[in-house]
N, C-alpha and C. Protein backbone atom coordinates (compact mmCIF):
# COMPACT_ATOMS: atom_id res chain seq x y z
N UNK A 1 12.48 6.76 -16.69
CA UNK A 1 13.71 6.17 -15.56
C UNK A 1 12.89 4.48 -15.53
N UNK A 2 13.71 3.63 -15.50
CA UNK A 2 13.48 1.99 -15.79
C UNK A 2 13.11 1.60 -14.11
N UNK A 3 12.26 0.50 -14.43
CA UNK A 3 11.61 0.16 -13.17
C UNK A 3 12.94 -0.42 -11.97
N UNK A 4 13.84 -0.70 -12.20
CA UNK A 4 15.06 -1.12 -11.27
C UNK A 4 15.60 -0.22 -10.28
N UNK A 5 15.58 1.44 -11.31
CA UNK A 5 16.20 2.51 -10.94
C UNK A 5 14.86 2.93 -9.94
N UNK A 6 13.81 3.35 -10.12
CA UNK A 6 12.44 3.43 -9.28
C UNK A 6 12.54 2.53 -8.12
N UNK A 7 12.86 1.56 -8.28
CA UNK A 7 12.61 0.58 -6.98
C UNK A 7 13.88 1.05 -5.87
N UNK A 8 14.87 1.13 -6.73
CA UNK A 8 16.07 1.68 -6.03
C UNK A 8 15.86 2.90 -5.23
N UNK A 9 15.44 3.84 -5.87
CA UNK A 9 15.41 4.90 -5.14
C UNK A 9 14.02 5.05 -4.01
N UNK A 10 12.74 4.48 -4.16
CA UNK A 10 11.75 4.28 -3.35
C UNK A 10 12.51 3.16 -2.14
N UNK A 11 13.54 2.61 -2.26
CA UNK A 11 13.71 1.92 -0.98
C UNK A 11 15.01 2.47 -0.44
N UNK A 12 15.34 3.19 -0.93
CA UNK A 12 16.33 4.35 -0.56
C UNK A 12 15.77 5.44 0.29
N UNK A 13 14.46 5.56 0.08
CA UNK A 13 14.08 6.61 0.68
C UNK A 13 13.90 7.99 -0.13
N UNK A 14 14.03 7.85 -1.43
CA UNK A 14 14.38 9.38 -2.45
C UNK A 14 13.31 9.30 -2.61
N UNK A 15 12.33 8.97 -2.34
CA UNK A 15 10.71 9.53 -3.20
C UNK A 15 10.10 10.35 -1.78
N UNK A 16 9.01 11.05 -2.36
CA UNK A 16 8.50 11.59 -1.56
C UNK A 16 6.85 10.72 -1.33
N UNK A 17 6.27 11.32 0.18
CA UNK A 17 5.04 10.27 0.15
C UNK A 17 4.06 10.19 -0.69
N UNK A 18 3.93 11.72 -1.11
CA UNK A 18 2.92 11.84 -2.26
C UNK A 18 3.45 11.00 -3.57
N UNK A 19 4.36 10.47 -3.91
CA UNK A 19 4.68 9.90 -5.28
C UNK A 19 4.90 8.51 -4.35
N UNK A 20 4.92 7.94 -3.39
CA UNK A 20 5.08 6.81 -3.22
C UNK A 20 3.40 6.40 -3.51
N UNK A 21 2.58 7.35 -2.63
CA UNK A 21 1.14 6.71 -2.86
C UNK A 21 0.63 6.61 -4.31
N UNK A 22 0.85 7.65 -5.20
CA UNK A 22 1.20 7.27 -7.00
C UNK A 22 1.40 5.99 -7.15
N UNK A 23 2.73 5.77 -6.70
CA UNK A 23 3.16 4.32 -7.00
C UNK A 23 2.23 3.31 -6.80
N UNK A 24 1.80 3.28 -5.64
CA UNK A 24 1.05 1.92 -5.19
C UNK A 24 -0.10 1.94 -5.55
N UNK A 25 -0.71 3.13 -6.11
CA UNK A 25 -1.72 3.04 -6.64
C UNK A 25 -1.98 2.93 -8.07
N UNK A 26 -0.90 3.57 -8.89
CA UNK A 26 -1.32 3.38 -10.16
C UNK A 26 0.21 2.73 -10.94
N UNK A 27 1.33 2.59 -10.47
CA UNK A 27 2.22 2.02 -10.98
C UNK A 27 1.82 0.21 -11.86
N UNK A 28 2.09 0.18 -12.93
CA UNK A 28 1.75 -1.05 -13.25
C UNK A 28 2.71 -2.25 -12.82
N UNK A 29 4.11 -2.36 -12.04
CA UNK A 29 5.03 -3.17 -11.88
C UNK A 29 4.61 -3.33 -10.27
N UNK A 30 4.52 -4.40 -10.11
CA UNK A 30 3.82 -5.08 -8.49
C UNK A 30 5.15 -4.55 -7.75
N UNK A 31 6.24 -4.63 -8.16
CA UNK A 31 7.40 -4.49 -7.24
C UNK A 31 7.48 -3.35 -7.15
N UNK A 32 7.54 -2.20 -7.50
CA UNK A 32 7.24 -0.76 -7.63
C UNK A 32 6.11 -0.79 -6.38
N UNK A 33 5.39 -0.93 -6.66
CA UNK A 33 4.24 -0.80 -5.44
C UNK A 33 4.53 -1.51 -4.17
N UNK A 34 5.05 -2.64 -4.06
CA UNK A 34 5.33 -3.26 -3.06
C UNK A 34 6.45 -2.66 -2.29
N UNK A 35 7.44 -1.91 -2.87
CA UNK A 35 8.34 -1.25 -2.35
C UNK A 35 7.79 0.15 -2.00
N UNK A 36 6.92 0.70 -2.53
CA UNK A 36 6.53 2.16 -2.21
C UNK A 36 5.76 2.15 -1.00
N UNK A 37 4.95 0.76 -1.08
CA UNK A 37 4.17 0.81 0.04
C UNK A 37 4.77 0.38 1.46
N UNK A 38 5.84 -0.24 1.42
CA UNK A 38 6.70 -0.73 2.83
C UNK A 38 7.26 0.84 3.26
N UNK A 39 7.75 1.74 2.10
CA UNK A 39 8.10 2.90 2.37
C UNK A 39 7.30 4.11 3.00
N UNK A 40 6.07 3.90 2.66
CA UNK A 40 4.86 4.76 3.30
C UNK A 40 4.79 4.92 4.30
N UNK A 41 4.85 6.10 4.86
CA UNK A 41 4.76 6.29 6.62
C UNK A 41 3.31 7.38 6.80
N UNK A 42 3.38 8.32 5.93
CA UNK A 42 2.42 9.12 6.22
C UNK A 42 0.72 8.49 6.39
N UNK A 43 0.69 8.82 7.51
CA UNK A 43 -0.89 8.13 8.02
C UNK A 43 -2.23 8.43 7.41
N UNK A 44 -2.18 9.81 6.65
CA UNK A 44 -3.32 9.76 6.08
C UNK A 44 -3.01 9.43 4.50
N UNK A 45 -1.97 9.27 4.04
CA UNK A 45 -1.78 8.31 2.74
C UNK A 45 -1.91 7.03 2.80
N UNK A 46 -1.45 6.31 4.16
CA UNK A 46 -1.59 5.23 4.40
C UNK A 46 -2.90 4.54 4.40
N UNK A 47 -3.78 5.38 5.04
CA UNK A 47 -5.16 5.27 5.57
C UNK A 47 -5.94 5.29 3.98
N UNK A 48 -5.68 6.07 3.20
CA UNK A 48 -6.19 6.34 1.57
C UNK A 48 -6.11 4.97 0.88
N UNK A 49 -4.80 4.43 0.96
CA UNK A 49 -4.29 3.10 0.30
C UNK A 49 -5.34 1.82 0.94
N UNK A 50 -5.16 1.83 2.60
CA UNK A 50 -5.88 1.01 3.18
C UNK A 50 -7.38 0.76 2.73
N UNK A 51 -7.94 2.00 2.76
CA UNK A 51 -9.62 1.98 2.22
C UNK A 51 -9.65 1.92 0.91
N UNK A 52 -8.77 1.51 0.21
CA UNK A 52 -8.59 1.52 -1.39
C UNK A 52 -9.13 0.27 -1.59
N UNK A 53 -10.40 -0.21 -2.12
CA UNK A 53 -10.80 -1.63 -2.26
C UNK A 53 -10.02 -2.31 -3.58
N UNK A 54 -9.60 -1.40 -4.30
CA UNK A 54 -8.89 -2.07 -5.41
C UNK A 54 -7.47 -1.98 -5.35
N UNK A 55 -6.88 -2.05 -4.45
CA UNK A 55 -5.55 -1.84 -3.96
C UNK A 55 -5.18 -3.19 -3.24
N UNK A 56 -4.09 -3.89 -4.03
CA UNK A 56 -3.49 -5.37 -3.39
C UNK A 56 -2.83 -5.15 -2.24
N UNK A 57 -2.22 -4.10 -1.79
CA UNK A 57 -1.51 -3.54 -0.44
C UNK A 57 -2.54 -2.93 0.02
N UNK A 58 -3.67 -3.10 0.54
CA UNK A 58 -4.31 -2.29 1.61
C UNK A 58 -4.34 -2.98 2.83
N UNK A 59 -3.93 -4.34 2.92
CA UNK A 59 -3.69 -4.77 4.54
C UNK A 59 -2.34 -4.40 4.92
N UNK A 60 -1.09 -4.57 3.91
CA UNK A 60 -0.07 -3.95 4.32
C UNK A 60 -0.32 -2.43 4.66
N UNK A 61 -0.72 -1.69 4.18
CA UNK A 61 -0.98 -0.36 4.46
C UNK A 61 -1.81 -0.50 5.89
N UNK A 62 -2.88 -0.93 6.16
CA UNK A 62 -3.58 -1.20 7.48
C UNK A 62 -2.69 -1.57 8.42
N UNK A 63 -1.97 -2.33 8.23
CA UNK A 63 -0.95 -3.08 9.35
C UNK A 63 0.06 -1.78 9.90
N UNK A 64 0.27 -0.86 8.91
CA UNK A 64 1.06 0.36 9.51
C UNK A 64 0.33 1.49 9.94
N UNK A 65 -0.90 1.27 10.03
CA UNK A 65 -1.71 2.84 10.46
C UNK A 65 -1.77 2.69 12.29
N UNK A 66 -1.39 3.91 12.65
CA UNK A 66 -1.55 4.22 13.87
C UNK A 66 -2.84 3.86 14.58
N UNK A 67 -4.08 4.54 13.65
CA UNK A 67 -5.60 4.52 14.20
C UNK A 67 -5.75 3.10 13.92
N UNK A 68 -5.72 2.11 14.85
CA UNK A 68 -6.41 1.04 14.95
C UNK A 68 -7.78 0.65 14.53
N UNK A 69 -8.39 1.79 14.64
CA UNK A 69 -10.09 1.54 14.55
C UNK A 69 -10.10 1.73 12.84
N UNK A 70 -9.30 2.34 12.31
CA UNK A 70 -9.37 2.27 10.78
C UNK A 70 -8.98 0.99 9.96
N UNK A 71 -7.84 0.34 10.67
CA UNK A 71 -7.29 -0.68 10.04
C UNK A 71 -8.29 -1.65 10.75
N UNK A 72 -8.59 -1.62 11.78
CA UNK A 72 -9.68 -2.71 11.97
C UNK A 72 -11.01 -3.02 10.84
N UNK A 73 -11.45 -1.55 10.32
CA UNK A 73 -12.39 -1.72 9.43
C UNK A 73 -11.93 -2.26 8.63
N UNK A 74 -10.90 -1.90 7.90
CA UNK A 74 -10.21 -2.58 6.58
C UNK A 74 -10.08 -4.02 6.73
N UNK A 75 -9.68 -4.45 7.94
CA UNK A 75 -9.41 -6.27 8.15
C UNK A 75 -10.90 -6.65 8.07
N UNK A 76 -11.88 -6.11 8.42
CA UNK A 76 -13.26 -6.35 8.46
C UNK A 76 -14.09 -6.73 7.07
N UNK A 77 -13.60 -5.75 6.45
CA UNK A 77 -13.91 -5.52 4.97
C UNK A 77 -13.54 -6.50 4.03
N UNK A 78 -12.46 -6.84 4.34
CA UNK A 78 -11.66 -7.81 3.65
C UNK A 78 -12.38 -9.28 4.17
N UNK A 79 -12.25 -9.27 5.45
CA UNK A 79 -12.79 -10.86 5.57
C UNK A 79 -14.23 -10.98 5.21
N UNK A 80 -15.06 -10.03 5.26
CA UNK A 80 -16.36 -10.27 4.58
C UNK A 80 -16.63 -10.49 3.01
N UNK A 81 -15.39 -9.65 2.32
CA UNK A 81 -15.77 -9.20 0.92
C UNK A 81 -14.70 -9.96 -0.10
N UNK A 82 -13.65 -10.17 0.62
CA UNK A 82 -12.66 -10.57 -0.45
C UNK A 82 -12.90 -12.10 -0.62
N UNK A 83 -13.42 -12.71 -1.51
CA UNK A 83 -13.69 -14.11 -1.80
C UNK A 83 -12.60 -14.69 -2.57
N UNK A 84 -11.83 -14.00 -3.13
CA UNK A 84 -10.95 -14.17 -3.81
C UNK A 84 -9.23 -14.63 -3.38
N UNK A 85 -9.24 -14.34 -2.07
CA UNK A 85 -8.19 -14.66 -1.23
C UNK A 85 -7.06 -14.01 -1.51
N UNK A 86 -7.27 -12.79 -2.44
CA UNK A 86 -6.08 -11.92 -2.86
C UNK A 86 -5.61 -11.27 -1.75
N UNK A 87 -6.15 -10.90 -0.68
CA UNK A 87 -5.08 -10.12 0.49
C UNK A 87 -4.56 -11.53 1.35
N UNK A 88 -5.32 -12.19 1.60
CA UNK A 88 -4.68 -13.40 2.25
C UNK A 88 -3.36 -14.06 2.29
N UNK A 89 -2.93 -13.57 1.20
CA UNK A 89 -1.47 -14.18 0.27
C UNK A 89 -0.44 -13.41 0.68
N UNK A 90 -0.79 -12.12 1.28
CA UNK A 90 0.16 -11.16 1.69
C UNK A 90 1.44 -11.27 2.36
């Protein structure tokens, strides 16, 4: 399936939460990863993405968490350890 079709299906909500997490963590196309994290609602899976220090979208995931203590841990970690400004650009 081509990238545009994956994005279309993702935005339409036709992709499972587990598949969305896989897209966020492993898809090479940033547009697919972005569409996936926007549709992700499962709190456990959002927490996994937010805690993944290698994920460009961890702040977006943290913003969607109901458990604000986990979100705050992510914000604090990014503030202390992200010297590149990567997450500040979201």
